[in-house]
Amino acid sequence: MISVYLDKVDYRILSLLREDSRVALKELAAAADVSIPTARSRIIRLKDLGVIKRFTASLELQSITNQVTAYITLKTRLPKIKTVVEQLKDIDEVSEAYITTGQHDVILKIYTPNMQALNRLVTQKLSSLEGVETAYSSFVIETVKDIIGPVLRPNFGFKIDCENCGGIVGEGYVKKLTDGREHFFCSEPCLSASTGFVK
């Protein structure tokens, strides 16, 4: 767990990296308004802190196959929940698995090439797992928003100063996009009072 807040420089670097993890270091530095060595050291620091887990490619398989995307919730016998989760790690169709609270114990994100493969997954693989009591499926019809990880914003791990008064930007922040960058203010009056950021 991170015990330090991240600042505006970290925010700008992470915002660009989540859009394209192959972005040039020169572009990252320009966006964060820092030197290239500073941008490089910030990335190393973010990796050391565990904020950046890995750089990866985001795949869109719809362009090459008519795959089925589904969420499957599992109800387990509670003493067996860890056993179920361990067994799920060996199932290729499972891309994400979460232990949750509430009505269901485990939520899975599944990709299969077609409905027949999904049916085999549910009736043969999942139903035979030791500890699984019930499984419910929901199919993804259309993806309307797809962001990896949480939405980056002030007061969510970032300590960002208001560009007018210098105070810490909190829950009621105002965001203004100019020169390709996001600028943050602690309130509407601070946005209005700041030179060059008139609405």
N, C-alpha and C. Protein backbone atom coordinates (compact mmCIF):
# COMPACT_ATOMS: atom_id res chain seq x y z
N MET A 1 0.84 -1.19 0.00
CA MET A 1 0.00 0.00 0.00
C MET A 1 0.88 1.24 0.00
N ILE A 2 0.49 2.25 -0.80
CA ILE A 2 1.27 3.47 -0.92
C ILE A 2 0.99 4.37 0.26
N SER A 3 2.06 4.87 0.90
CA SER A 3 1.89 5.75 2.04
C SER A 3 2.17 7.20 1.67
N VAL A 4 2.46 7.47 0.39
CA VAL A 4 2.72 8.83 -0.05
C VAL A 4 1.70 9.21 -1.12
N TYR A 5 1.39 10.50 -1.19
CA TYR A 5 0.51 10.98 -2.24
C TYR A 5 1.30 11.21 -3.51
N LEU A 6 0.64 11.05 -4.63
CA LEU A 6 1.22 11.36 -5.92
C LEU A 6 0.82 12.78 -6.30
N ASP A 7 1.64 13.45 -7.09
CA ASP A 7 1.36 14.85 -7.41
C ASP A 7 0.93 15.01 -8.87
N LYS A 8 0.86 16.28 -9.30
CA LYS A 8 0.38 16.60 -10.64
C LYS A 8 1.28 16.01 -11.73
N VAL A 9 2.57 15.98 -11.49
CA VAL A 9 3.50 15.39 -12.46
C VAL A 9 3.19 13.91 -12.64
N ASP A 10 3.04 13.20 -11.52
CA ASP A 10 2.69 11.78 -11.58
C ASP A 10 1.36 11.59 -12.30
N TYR A 11 0.40 12.45 -11.99
CA TYR A 11 -0.93 12.36 -12.60
C TYR A 11 -0.83 12.46 -14.12
N ARG A 12 -0.09 13.46 -14.60
CA ARG A 12 0.01 13.67 -16.04
C ARG A 12 0.75 12.53 -16.73
N ILE A 13 1.79 12.02 -16.09
CA ILE A 13 2.53 10.89 -16.66
C ILE A 13 1.63 9.65 -16.73
N LEU A 14 0.94 9.35 -15.64
CA LEU A 14 0.08 8.17 -15.60
C LEU A 14 -1.10 8.29 -16.57
N SER A 15 -1.64 9.49 -16.71
CA SER A 15 -2.76 9.69 -17.65
C SER A 15 -2.35 9.37 -19.07
N LEU A 16 -1.15 9.80 -19.47
CA LEU A 16 -0.67 9.50 -20.82
C LEU A 16 -0.34 8.02 -20.98
N LEU A 17 0.30 7.44 -19.97
CA LEU A 17 0.69 6.03 -20.06
C LEU A 17 -0.51 5.10 -20.14
N ARG A 18 -1.61 5.46 -19.49
CA ARG A 18 -2.78 4.57 -19.56
C ARG A 18 -3.43 4.64 -20.92
N GLU A 19 -3.26 5.76 -21.65
CA GLU A 19 -3.78 5.86 -23.01
C GLU A 19 -2.89 5.09 -23.99
N ASP A 20 -1.57 5.18 -23.78
CA ASP A 20 -0.62 4.51 -24.67
C ASP A 20 0.66 4.25 -23.90
N SER A 21 0.90 3.00 -23.54
CA SER A 21 2.08 2.68 -22.74
C SER A 21 3.38 2.79 -23.53
N ARG A 22 3.27 3.02 -24.85
CA ARG A 22 4.48 3.16 -25.67
C ARG A 22 4.81 4.62 -25.96
N VAL A 23 4.15 5.54 -25.30
CA VAL A 23 4.38 6.96 -25.55
C VAL A 23 5.85 7.30 -25.27
N ALA A 24 6.41 8.18 -26.10
CA ALA A 24 7.82 8.53 -25.98
C ALA A 24 8.09 9.30 -24.69
N LEU A 25 9.25 9.08 -24.12
CA LEU A 25 9.65 9.74 -22.89
C LEU A 25 9.65 11.26 -23.07
N LYS A 26 10.04 11.72 -24.25
CA LYS A 26 10.05 13.15 -24.55
C LYS A 26 8.64 13.74 -24.46
N GLU A 27 7.65 12.98 -24.96
CA GLU A 27 6.26 13.43 -24.91
C GLU A 27 5.72 13.43 -23.48
N LEU A 28 6.10 12.42 -22.70
CA LEU A 28 5.70 12.36 -21.29
C LEU A 28 6.25 13.56 -20.53
N ALA A 29 7.52 13.87 -20.78
CA ALA A 29 8.16 14.99 -20.10
C ALA A 29 7.48 16.30 -20.46
N ALA A 30 7.16 16.48 -21.74
CA ALA A 30 6.50 17.72 -22.18
C ALA A 30 5.12 17.85 -21.55
N ALA A 31 4.37 16.76 -21.52
CA ALA A 31 3.02 16.80 -20.95
C ALA A 31 3.04 17.11 -19.46
N ALA A 32 4.06 16.61 -18.76
CA ALA A 32 4.17 16.83 -17.32
C ALA A 32 4.94 18.10 -16.99
N ASP A 33 5.47 18.76 -18.02
CA ASP A 33 6.22 20.01 -17.85
C ASP A 33 7.46 19.81 -16.98
N VAL A 34 8.18 18.70 -17.25
CA VAL A 34 9.42 18.40 -16.55
C VAL A 34 10.48 17.98 -17.57
N SER A 35 11.71 17.83 -17.13
CA SER A 35 12.79 17.39 -18.02
C SER A 35 12.65 15.88 -18.29
N ILE A 36 13.32 15.41 -19.32
CA ILE A 36 13.29 13.99 -19.65
C ILE A 36 13.87 13.14 -18.51
N PRO A 37 15.02 13.53 -17.91
CA PRO A 37 15.52 12.73 -16.77
C PRO A 37 14.54 12.68 -15.60
N THR A 38 13.83 13.80 -15.36
CA THR A 38 12.84 13.81 -14.27
C THR A 38 11.69 12.87 -14.59
N ALA A 39 11.22 12.89 -15.84
CA ALA A 39 10.13 11.99 -16.24
C ALA A 39 10.56 10.54 -16.09
N ARG A 40 11.79 10.23 -16.50
CA ARG A 40 12.31 8.86 -16.38
C ARG A 40 12.37 8.44 -14.91
N SER A 41 12.87 9.33 -14.04
CA SER A 41 12.96 8.98 -12.61
C SER A 41 11.58 8.83 -11.98
N ARG A 42 10.61 9.62 -12.45
CA ARG A 42 9.24 9.48 -11.93
C ARG A 42 8.66 8.12 -12.32
N ILE A 43 8.90 7.67 -13.54
CA ILE A 43 8.38 6.37 -13.97
C ILE A 43 9.02 5.26 -13.13
N ILE A 44 10.32 5.35 -12.91
CA ILE A 44 11.00 4.36 -12.08
C ILE A 44 10.42 4.36 -10.67
N ARG A 45 10.18 5.55 -10.11
CA ARG A 45 9.60 5.66 -8.77
C ARG A 45 8.20 5.05 -8.73
N LEU A 46 7.38 5.32 -9.75
CA LEU A 46 6.02 4.78 -9.79
C LEU A 46 6.04 3.26 -9.90
N LYS A 47 7.01 2.72 -10.61
CA LYS A 47 7.16 1.26 -10.68
C LYS A 47 7.60 0.71 -9.33
N ASP A 48 8.55 1.39 -8.68
CA ASP A 48 9.04 0.94 -7.36
C ASP A 48 7.93 0.98 -6.32
N LEU A 49 7.04 1.98 -6.41
CA LEU A 49 5.92 2.09 -5.48
C LEU A 49 4.83 1.05 -5.76
N GLY A 50 4.87 0.43 -6.94
CA GLY A 50 3.85 -0.53 -7.31
C GLY A 50 2.64 0.10 -7.97
N VAL A 51 2.70 1.41 -8.27
CA VAL A 51 1.59 2.07 -8.95
C VAL A 51 1.50 1.58 -10.38
N ILE A 52 2.65 1.48 -11.05
CA ILE A 52 2.71 0.87 -12.38
C ILE A 52 3.09 -0.58 -12.19
N LYS A 53 2.16 -1.48 -12.50
CA LYS A 53 2.43 -2.90 -12.35
C LYS A 53 3.21 -3.43 -13.54
N ARG A 54 2.74 -3.08 -14.76
CA ARG A 54 3.40 -3.55 -15.97
C ARG A 54 2.91 -2.72 -17.14
N PHE A 55 3.69 -2.70 -18.18
CA PHE A 55 3.28 -2.07 -19.43
C PHE A 55 2.77 -3.19 -20.32
N THR A 56 1.58 -2.99 -20.89
CA THR A 56 0.96 -4.08 -21.63
C THR A 56 0.18 -3.56 -22.83
N ALA A 57 -0.16 -4.46 -23.73
CA ALA A 57 -0.98 -4.11 -24.89
C ALA A 57 -2.43 -4.42 -24.57
N SER A 58 -3.32 -3.54 -25.02
CA SER A 58 -4.75 -3.77 -24.85
C SER A 58 -5.28 -4.38 -26.14
N LEU A 59 -5.82 -5.59 -26.04
CA LEU A 59 -6.26 -6.32 -27.23
C LEU A 59 -7.74 -6.10 -27.50
N GLU A 60 -8.10 -5.98 -28.76
CA GLU A 60 -9.49 -5.88 -29.18
C GLU A 60 -9.74 -7.03 -30.14
N LEU A 61 -10.20 -8.16 -29.59
CA LEU A 61 -10.37 -9.37 -30.39
C LEU A 61 -11.61 -9.36 -31.27
N GLN A 62 -12.53 -8.40 -31.04
CA GLN A 62 -13.73 -8.34 -31.87
C GLN A 62 -13.39 -8.18 -33.34
N SER A 63 -12.23 -7.59 -33.64
CA SER A 63 -11.86 -7.36 -35.03
C SER A 63 -11.42 -8.64 -35.74
N ILE A 64 -11.08 -9.69 -34.98
CA ILE A 64 -10.63 -10.93 -35.63
C ILE A 64 -11.51 -12.13 -35.31
N THR A 65 -12.42 -11.99 -34.36
CA THR A 65 -13.27 -13.13 -34.01
C THR A 65 -14.58 -12.62 -33.40
N ASN A 66 -15.58 -13.43 -33.41
CA ASN A 66 -16.87 -13.08 -32.79
C ASN A 66 -16.93 -13.66 -31.40
N GLN A 67 -15.95 -13.33 -30.57
CA GLN A 67 -15.89 -13.93 -29.26
C GLN A 67 -17.08 -13.51 -28.40
N VAL A 68 -17.34 -14.33 -27.39
CA VAL A 68 -18.38 -14.05 -26.41
C VAL A 68 -17.69 -13.57 -25.14
N THR A 69 -18.13 -12.42 -24.64
CA THR A 69 -17.65 -11.92 -23.37
C THR A 69 -18.77 -12.07 -22.36
N ALA A 70 -18.46 -12.63 -21.21
CA ALA A 70 -19.50 -12.85 -20.21
C ALA A 70 -18.92 -12.64 -18.81
N TYR A 71 -19.81 -12.28 -17.91
CA TYR A 71 -19.47 -12.24 -16.49
C TYR A 71 -20.22 -13.39 -15.84
N ILE A 72 -19.52 -14.17 -15.06
CA ILE A 72 -20.13 -15.30 -14.36
C ILE A 72 -19.90 -15.10 -12.87
N THR A 73 -20.98 -15.20 -12.13
CA THR A 73 -20.87 -15.10 -10.68
C THR A 73 -21.03 -16.50 -10.08
N LEU A 74 -20.21 -16.79 -9.09
CA LEU A 74 -20.23 -18.10 -8.45
C LEU A 74 -20.62 -17.97 -6.98
N LYS A 75 -21.45 -18.88 -6.54
CA LYS A 75 -21.74 -19.04 -5.12
C LYS A 75 -20.99 -20.28 -4.68
N THR A 76 -20.20 -20.16 -3.64
CA THR A 76 -19.39 -21.29 -3.19
C THR A 76 -19.76 -21.67 -1.77
N ARG A 77 -19.29 -22.84 -1.37
CA ARG A 77 -19.35 -23.19 0.05
C ARG A 77 -18.18 -22.47 0.69
N LEU A 78 -18.46 -21.56 1.63
CA LEU A 78 -17.45 -20.62 2.13
C LEU A 78 -16.12 -21.24 2.54
N PRO A 79 -16.11 -22.39 3.19
CA PRO A 79 -14.78 -22.93 3.53
C PRO A 79 -13.95 -23.28 2.29
N LYS A 80 -14.62 -23.39 1.13
CA LYS A 80 -13.94 -23.83 -0.09
C LYS A 80 -13.60 -22.68 -1.03
N ILE A 81 -13.84 -21.44 -0.65
CA ILE A 81 -13.67 -20.32 -1.57
C ILE A 81 -12.24 -20.23 -2.10
N LYS A 82 -11.25 -20.42 -1.24
CA LYS A 82 -9.85 -20.36 -1.68
C LYS A 82 -9.53 -21.52 -2.63
N THR A 83 -10.11 -22.66 -2.37
CA THR A 83 -9.91 -23.81 -3.25
C THR A 83 -10.47 -23.53 -4.63
N VAL A 84 -11.66 -22.93 -4.68
CA VAL A 84 -12.29 -22.58 -5.96
C VAL A 84 -11.41 -21.60 -6.72
N VAL A 85 -10.93 -20.57 -6.06
CA VAL A 85 -10.11 -19.55 -6.71
C VAL A 85 -8.83 -20.15 -7.26
N GLU A 86 -8.21 -21.03 -6.52
CA GLU A 86 -6.98 -21.68 -7.00
C GLU A 86 -7.25 -22.49 -8.26
N GLN A 87 -8.40 -23.17 -8.32
CA GLN A 87 -8.73 -23.97 -9.50
C GLN A 87 -9.01 -23.08 -10.72
N LEU A 88 -9.54 -21.88 -10.48
CA LEU A 88 -9.87 -20.96 -11.58
C LEU A 88 -8.62 -20.46 -12.30
N LYS A 89 -7.50 -20.43 -11.61
CA LYS A 89 -6.26 -19.92 -12.21
C LYS A 89 -5.82 -20.77 -13.40
N ASP A 90 -6.26 -22.02 -13.45
CA ASP A 90 -5.85 -22.93 -14.53
C ASP A 90 -6.82 -22.94 -15.70
N ILE A 91 -7.88 -22.14 -15.65
CA ILE A 91 -8.87 -22.12 -16.73
C ILE A 91 -8.57 -20.94 -17.66
N ASP A 92 -8.17 -21.25 -18.88
CA ASP A 92 -7.72 -20.22 -19.83
C ASP A 92 -8.78 -19.18 -20.15
N GLU A 93 -10.03 -19.56 -20.16
CA GLU A 93 -11.10 -18.63 -20.54
C GLU A 93 -11.32 -17.53 -19.50
N VAL A 94 -10.86 -17.75 -18.28
CA VAL A 94 -11.03 -16.76 -17.21
C VAL A 94 -9.93 -15.71 -17.33
N SER A 95 -10.33 -14.46 -17.63
CA SER A 95 -9.33 -13.39 -17.73
C SER A 95 -9.23 -12.59 -16.44
N GLU A 96 -10.31 -12.53 -15.67
CA GLU A 96 -10.30 -11.82 -14.40
C GLU A 96 -11.14 -12.62 -13.41
N ALA A 97 -10.70 -12.64 -12.16
CA ALA A 97 -11.45 -13.32 -11.10
C ALA A 97 -11.33 -12.51 -9.82
N TYR A 98 -12.46 -12.27 -9.17
CA TYR A 98 -12.49 -11.45 -7.95
C TYR A 98 -13.28 -12.16 -6.86
N ILE A 99 -12.74 -12.18 -5.65
CA ILE A 99 -13.51 -12.61 -4.49
C ILE A 99 -14.29 -11.38 -4.03
N THR A 100 -15.59 -11.51 -3.83
CA THR A 100 -16.43 -10.36 -3.52
C THR A 100 -17.29 -10.62 -2.29
N THR A 101 -17.90 -9.53 -1.81
CA THR A 101 -18.90 -9.65 -0.75
C THR A 101 -20.27 -9.61 -1.40
N GLY A 102 -21.30 -9.89 -0.64
CA GLY A 102 -22.66 -9.80 -1.16
C GLY A 102 -23.24 -11.15 -1.52
N GLN A 103 -24.13 -11.14 -2.50
CA GLN A 103 -24.90 -12.33 -2.86
C GLN A 103 -24.02 -13.43 -3.48
N HIS A 104 -22.95 -13.04 -4.16
CA HIS A 104 -22.07 -14.01 -4.81
C HIS A 104 -20.67 -13.89 -4.23
N ASP A 105 -19.94 -14.98 -4.27
CA ASP A 105 -18.61 -15.02 -3.65
C ASP A 105 -17.49 -14.70 -4.63
N VAL A 106 -17.68 -15.04 -5.90
CA VAL A 106 -16.64 -14.86 -6.91
C VAL A 106 -17.28 -14.31 -8.18
N ILE A 107 -16.61 -13.33 -8.80
CA ILE A 107 -17.05 -12.81 -10.10
C ILE A 107 -15.94 -13.07 -11.10
N LEU A 108 -16.31 -13.62 -12.26
CA LEU A 108 -15.35 -13.95 -13.30
C LEU A 108 -15.66 -13.16 -14.56
N LYS A 109 -14.62 -12.73 -15.26
CA LYS A 109 -14.79 -12.20 -16.62
C LYS A 109 -14.26 -13.27 -17.55
N ILE A 110 -15.10 -13.66 -18.51
CA ILE A 110 -14.81 -14.80 -19.37
C ILE A 110 -14.79 -14.37 -20.83
N TYR A 111 -13.84 -14.90 -21.59
CA TYR A 111 -13.84 -14.75 -23.05
C TYR A 111 -13.84 -16.14 -23.66
N THR A 112 -14.79 -16.41 -24.54
CA THR A 112 -14.81 -17.66 -25.29
C THR A 112 -15.03 -17.34 -26.77
N PRO A 113 -14.62 -18.23 -27.67
CA PRO A 113 -14.77 -17.94 -29.10
C PRO A 113 -16.21 -17.99 -29.60
N ASN A 114 -17.08 -18.69 -28.87
CA ASN A 114 -18.49 -18.80 -29.30
C ASN A 114 -19.34 -19.31 -28.14
N MET A 115 -20.65 -19.39 -28.37
CA MET A 115 -21.59 -19.83 -27.31
C MET A 115 -21.38 -21.29 -26.93
N GLN A 116 -21.02 -22.12 -27.90
CA GLN A 116 -20.78 -23.53 -27.59
C GLN A 116 -19.62 -23.68 -26.59
N ALA A 117 -18.58 -22.90 -26.81
CA ALA A 117 -17.43 -22.96 -25.90
C ALA A 117 -17.81 -22.45 -24.52
N LEU A 118 -18.65 -21.42 -24.47
CA LEU A 118 -19.12 -20.91 -23.18
C LEU A 118 -19.95 -21.96 -22.47
N ASN A 119 -20.81 -22.63 -23.20
CA ASN A 119 -21.65 -23.69 -22.63
C ASN A 119 -20.78 -24.81 -22.05
N ARG A 120 -19.74 -25.21 -22.79
CA ARG A 120 -18.83 -26.25 -22.28
C ARG A 120 -18.10 -25.77 -21.02
N LEU A 121 -17.71 -24.51 -21.02
CA LEU A 121 -17.02 -23.95 -19.86
C LEU A 121 -17.89 -24.05 -18.62
N VAL A 122 -19.15 -23.62 -18.75
CA VAL A 122 -20.06 -23.61 -17.59
C VAL A 122 -20.45 -25.02 -17.18
N THR A 123 -20.87 -25.85 -18.14
CA THR A 123 -21.41 -27.17 -17.80
C THR A 123 -20.35 -28.21 -17.47
N GLN A 124 -19.15 -28.04 -18.02
CA GLN A 124 -18.11 -29.05 -17.77
C GLN A 124 -17.04 -28.57 -16.80
N LYS A 125 -16.47 -27.39 -17.04
CA LYS A 125 -15.35 -26.96 -16.21
C LYS A 125 -15.81 -26.36 -14.89
N LEU A 126 -16.67 -25.33 -14.95
CA LEU A 126 -17.05 -24.63 -13.72
C LEU A 126 -17.91 -25.50 -12.81
N SER A 127 -18.83 -26.25 -13.41
CA SER A 127 -19.72 -27.06 -12.58
C SER A 127 -18.99 -28.20 -11.88
N SER A 128 -17.81 -28.56 -12.39
CA SER A 128 -17.07 -29.66 -11.77
C SER A 128 -16.05 -29.19 -10.72
N LEU A 129 -15.94 -27.87 -10.54
CA LEU A 129 -15.00 -27.36 -9.55
C LEU A 129 -15.46 -27.70 -8.14
N GLU A 130 -14.54 -28.17 -7.33
CA GLU A 130 -14.86 -28.50 -5.94
C GLU A 130 -15.19 -27.23 -5.18
N GLY A 131 -16.38 -27.18 -4.59
CA GLY A 131 -16.79 -26.05 -3.77
C GLY A 131 -17.78 -25.11 -4.43
N VAL A 132 -18.02 -25.24 -5.75
CA VAL A 132 -18.97 -24.36 -6.44
C VAL A 132 -20.38 -24.90 -6.25
N GLU A 133 -21.28 -24.04 -5.77
CA GLU A 133 -22.69 -24.43 -5.59
C GLU A 133 -23.53 -24.00 -6.79
N THR A 134 -23.42 -22.73 -7.19
CA THR A 134 -24.21 -22.25 -8.33
C THR A 134 -23.37 -21.28 -9.16
N ALA A 135 -23.76 -21.15 -10.44
CA ALA A 135 -23.11 -20.21 -11.35
C ALA A 135 -24.18 -19.50 -12.16
N TYR A 136 -24.06 -18.17 -12.29
CA TYR A 136 -24.99 -17.37 -13.08
C TYR A 136 -24.20 -16.58 -14.12
N SER A 137 -24.72 -16.52 -15.35
CA SER A 137 -24.02 -15.85 -16.44
C SER A 137 -24.74 -14.59 -16.89
N SER A 138 -23.97 -13.58 -17.25
CA SER A 138 -24.49 -12.37 -17.90
C SER A 138 -23.60 -12.10 -19.10
N PHE A 139 -24.22 -11.94 -20.27
CA PHE A 139 -23.45 -11.73 -21.50
C PHE A 139 -23.28 -10.25 -21.78
N VAL A 140 -22.12 -9.87 -22.27
CA VAL A 140 -21.86 -8.49 -22.67
C VAL A 140 -22.38 -8.32 -24.09
N ILE A 141 -23.33 -7.41 -24.26
CA ILE A 141 -23.91 -7.14 -25.58
C ILE A 141 -23.12 -6.04 -26.29
N GLU A 142 -22.74 -5.02 -25.53
CA GLU A 142 -21.98 -3.91 -26.09
C GLU A 142 -21.15 -3.27 -24.99
N THR A 143 -19.91 -2.94 -25.31
CA THR A 143 -19.04 -2.24 -24.37
C THR A 143 -19.20 -0.75 -24.59
N VAL A 144 -19.65 -0.03 -23.56
CA VAL A 144 -19.87 1.41 -23.70
C VAL A 144 -18.76 2.22 -23.02
N LYS A 145 -18.01 1.60 -22.12
CA LYS A 145 -16.86 2.26 -21.49
C LYS A 145 -15.89 1.18 -21.06
N ASP A 146 -14.62 1.37 -21.40
CA ASP A 146 -13.63 0.35 -21.09
C ASP A 146 -12.33 1.03 -20.69
N ILE A 147 -12.11 1.19 -19.40
CA ILE A 147 -10.91 1.83 -18.87
C ILE A 147 -10.23 0.83 -17.96
N ILE A 148 -8.93 0.70 -18.13
CA ILE A 148 -8.18 -0.22 -17.28
C ILE A 148 -7.87 0.49 -15.96
N GLY A 149 -8.33 -0.08 -14.88
CA GLY A 149 -8.08 0.50 -13.56
C GLY A 149 -9.04 1.64 -13.26
N PRO A 150 -8.86 2.28 -12.10
CA PRO A 150 -9.76 3.36 -11.70
C PRO A 150 -9.51 4.62 -12.52
N VAL A 151 -10.52 5.49 -12.60
CA VAL A 151 -10.37 6.78 -13.26
C VAL A 151 -9.46 7.65 -12.41
N LEU A 152 -8.41 8.18 -13.02
CA LEU A 152 -7.48 9.04 -12.28
C LEU A 152 -8.12 10.39 -12.03
N ARG A 153 -7.99 10.89 -10.79
CA ARG A 153 -8.57 12.17 -10.45
C ARG A 153 -7.97 12.68 -9.13
N PRO A 154 -8.08 13.99 -8.90
CA PRO A 154 -7.58 14.51 -7.62
C PRO A 154 -8.31 13.88 -6.44
N ASN A 155 -7.66 13.85 -5.31
CA ASN A 155 -8.22 13.33 -4.07
C ASN A 155 -8.50 11.82 -4.15
N PHE A 156 -7.84 11.16 -5.09
CA PHE A 156 -7.96 9.71 -5.23
C PHE A 156 -6.54 9.17 -5.37
N GLY A 157 -5.73 9.49 -4.36
CA GLY A 157 -4.33 9.09 -4.37
C GLY A 157 -3.41 10.18 -4.88
N PHE A 158 -3.98 11.27 -5.39
CA PHE A 158 -3.16 12.37 -5.92
C PHE A 158 -3.36 13.61 -5.06
N LYS A 159 -2.27 14.28 -4.73
CA LYS A 159 -2.32 15.53 -4.00
C LYS A 159 -1.98 16.63 -5.01
N ILE A 160 -3.02 17.30 -5.49
CA ILE A 160 -2.85 18.29 -6.55
C ILE A 160 -3.24 19.66 -6.01
N ASP A 161 -2.37 20.64 -6.27
CA ASP A 161 -2.60 22.01 -5.82
C ASP A 161 -3.50 22.75 -6.80
N CYS A 162 -4.40 23.58 -6.26
CA CYS A 162 -5.25 24.46 -7.07
C CYS A 162 -4.34 25.43 -7.83
N GLU A 163 -4.60 25.61 -9.12
CA GLU A 163 -3.74 26.47 -9.93
C GLU A 163 -4.02 27.95 -9.71
N ASN A 164 -4.99 28.27 -8.83
CA ASN A 164 -5.24 29.67 -8.50
C ASN A 164 -4.76 29.99 -7.09
N CYS A 165 -5.30 29.29 -6.10
CA CYS A 165 -4.99 29.65 -4.71
C CYS A 165 -3.90 28.79 -4.08
N GLY A 166 -3.55 27.67 -4.72
CA GLY A 166 -2.51 26.80 -4.17
C GLY A 166 -3.00 25.81 -3.14
N GLY A 167 -4.31 25.88 -2.80
CA GLY A 167 -4.87 24.92 -1.85
C GLY A 167 -4.97 23.54 -2.47
N ILE A 168 -5.21 22.54 -1.63
CA ILE A 168 -5.32 21.18 -2.12
C ILE A 168 -6.68 20.99 -2.80
N VAL A 169 -6.66 20.44 -3.99
CA VAL A 169 -7.89 20.17 -4.74
C VAL A 169 -8.56 18.95 -4.11
N GLY A 170 -9.83 19.10 -3.74
CA GLY A 170 -10.57 18.02 -3.07
C GLY A 170 -11.71 17.48 -3.92
N GLU A 171 -12.74 17.01 -3.24
CA GLU A 171 -13.88 16.38 -3.91
C GLU A 171 -14.61 17.31 -4.89
N GLY A 172 -14.76 18.58 -4.53
CA GLY A 172 -15.53 19.48 -5.38
C GLY A 172 -14.68 20.18 -6.42
N TYR A 173 -13.71 19.46 -6.99
CA TYR A 173 -12.77 20.09 -7.90
C TYR A 173 -13.42 20.46 -9.24
N VAL A 174 -12.75 21.40 -9.93
CA VAL A 174 -13.16 21.81 -11.26
C VAL A 174 -11.98 21.54 -12.18
N LYS A 175 -12.28 20.99 -13.36
CA LYS A 175 -11.23 20.64 -14.31
C LYS A 175 -11.40 21.47 -15.58
N LYS A 176 -10.31 21.98 -16.08
CA LYS A 176 -10.33 22.75 -17.32
C LYS A 176 -9.27 22.18 -18.24
N LEU A 177 -9.61 21.95 -19.50
CA LEU A 177 -8.67 21.40 -20.47
C LEU A 177 -8.22 22.51 -21.40
N THR A 178 -6.94 22.84 -21.35
CA THR A 178 -6.35 23.80 -22.28
C THR A 178 -4.97 23.30 -22.66
N ASP A 179 -4.46 23.72 -23.75
CA ASP A 179 -3.14 23.36 -24.29
C ASP A 179 -2.86 21.86 -24.20
N GLY A 180 -3.94 21.05 -24.32
CA GLY A 180 -3.79 19.60 -24.27
C GLY A 180 -3.57 19.03 -22.88
N ARG A 181 -3.67 19.87 -21.84
CA ARG A 181 -3.46 19.43 -20.47
C ARG A 181 -4.68 19.71 -19.61
N GLU A 182 -4.82 18.91 -18.57
CA GLU A 182 -5.87 19.15 -17.59
C GLU A 182 -5.32 20.06 -16.50
N HIS A 183 -6.10 21.06 -16.14
CA HIS A 183 -5.74 21.98 -15.06
C HIS A 183 -6.83 21.88 -14.00
N PHE A 184 -6.42 21.86 -12.73
CA PHE A 184 -7.37 21.63 -11.64
C PHE A 184 -7.47 22.84 -10.71
N PHE A 185 -8.70 23.08 -10.27
CA PHE A 185 -8.99 24.17 -9.35
C PHE A 185 -9.86 23.62 -8.23
N CYS A 186 -9.73 24.22 -7.05
CA CYS A 186 -10.47 23.70 -5.89
C CYS A 186 -11.94 24.09 -5.93
N SER A 187 -12.31 25.10 -6.77
CA SER A 187 -13.71 25.54 -6.82
C SER A 187 -13.94 26.36 -8.09
N GLU A 188 -15.20 26.61 -8.39
CA GLU A 188 -15.56 27.47 -9.53
C GLU A 188 -15.01 28.88 -9.38
N PRO A 189 -15.10 29.49 -8.16
CA PRO A 189 -14.53 30.83 -8.02
C PRO A 189 -13.04 30.88 -8.33
N CYS A 190 -12.29 29.84 -7.95
CA CYS A 190 -10.86 29.81 -8.26
C CYS A 190 -10.62 29.70 -9.76
N LEU A 191 -11.45 28.92 -10.45
CA LEU A 191 -11.33 28.83 -11.90
C LEU A 191 -11.59 30.19 -12.53
N SER A 192 -12.65 30.86 -12.09
CA SER A 192 -13.02 32.16 -12.65
C SER A 192 -11.96 33.22 -12.35
N ALA A 193 -11.32 33.13 -11.18
CA ALA A 193 -10.34 34.12 -10.78
C ALA A 193 -8.98 33.91 -11.41
N SER A 194 -8.76 32.73 -11.99
CA SER A 194 -7.44 32.42 -12.52
C SER A 194 -7.27 32.99 -13.93
N THR A 195 -6.24 33.76 -14.14
CA THR A 195 -5.95 34.36 -15.43
C THR A 195 -5.68 33.27 -16.46
N GLY A 196 -6.30 33.41 -17.62
CA GLY A 196 -6.07 32.47 -18.70
C GLY A 196 -6.96 31.25 -18.68
N PHE A 197 -7.85 31.15 -17.68
CA PHE A 197 -8.74 30.00 -17.60
C PHE A 197 -10.20 30.42 -17.55
N VAL A 198 -10.54 31.52 -18.20
CA VAL A 198 -11.92 31.99 -18.20
C VAL A 198 -12.75 31.04 -19.05
N LYS A 199 -13.93 30.69 -18.55
CA LYS A 199 -14.78 29.75 -19.29
C LYS A 199 -15.29 30.37 -20.57
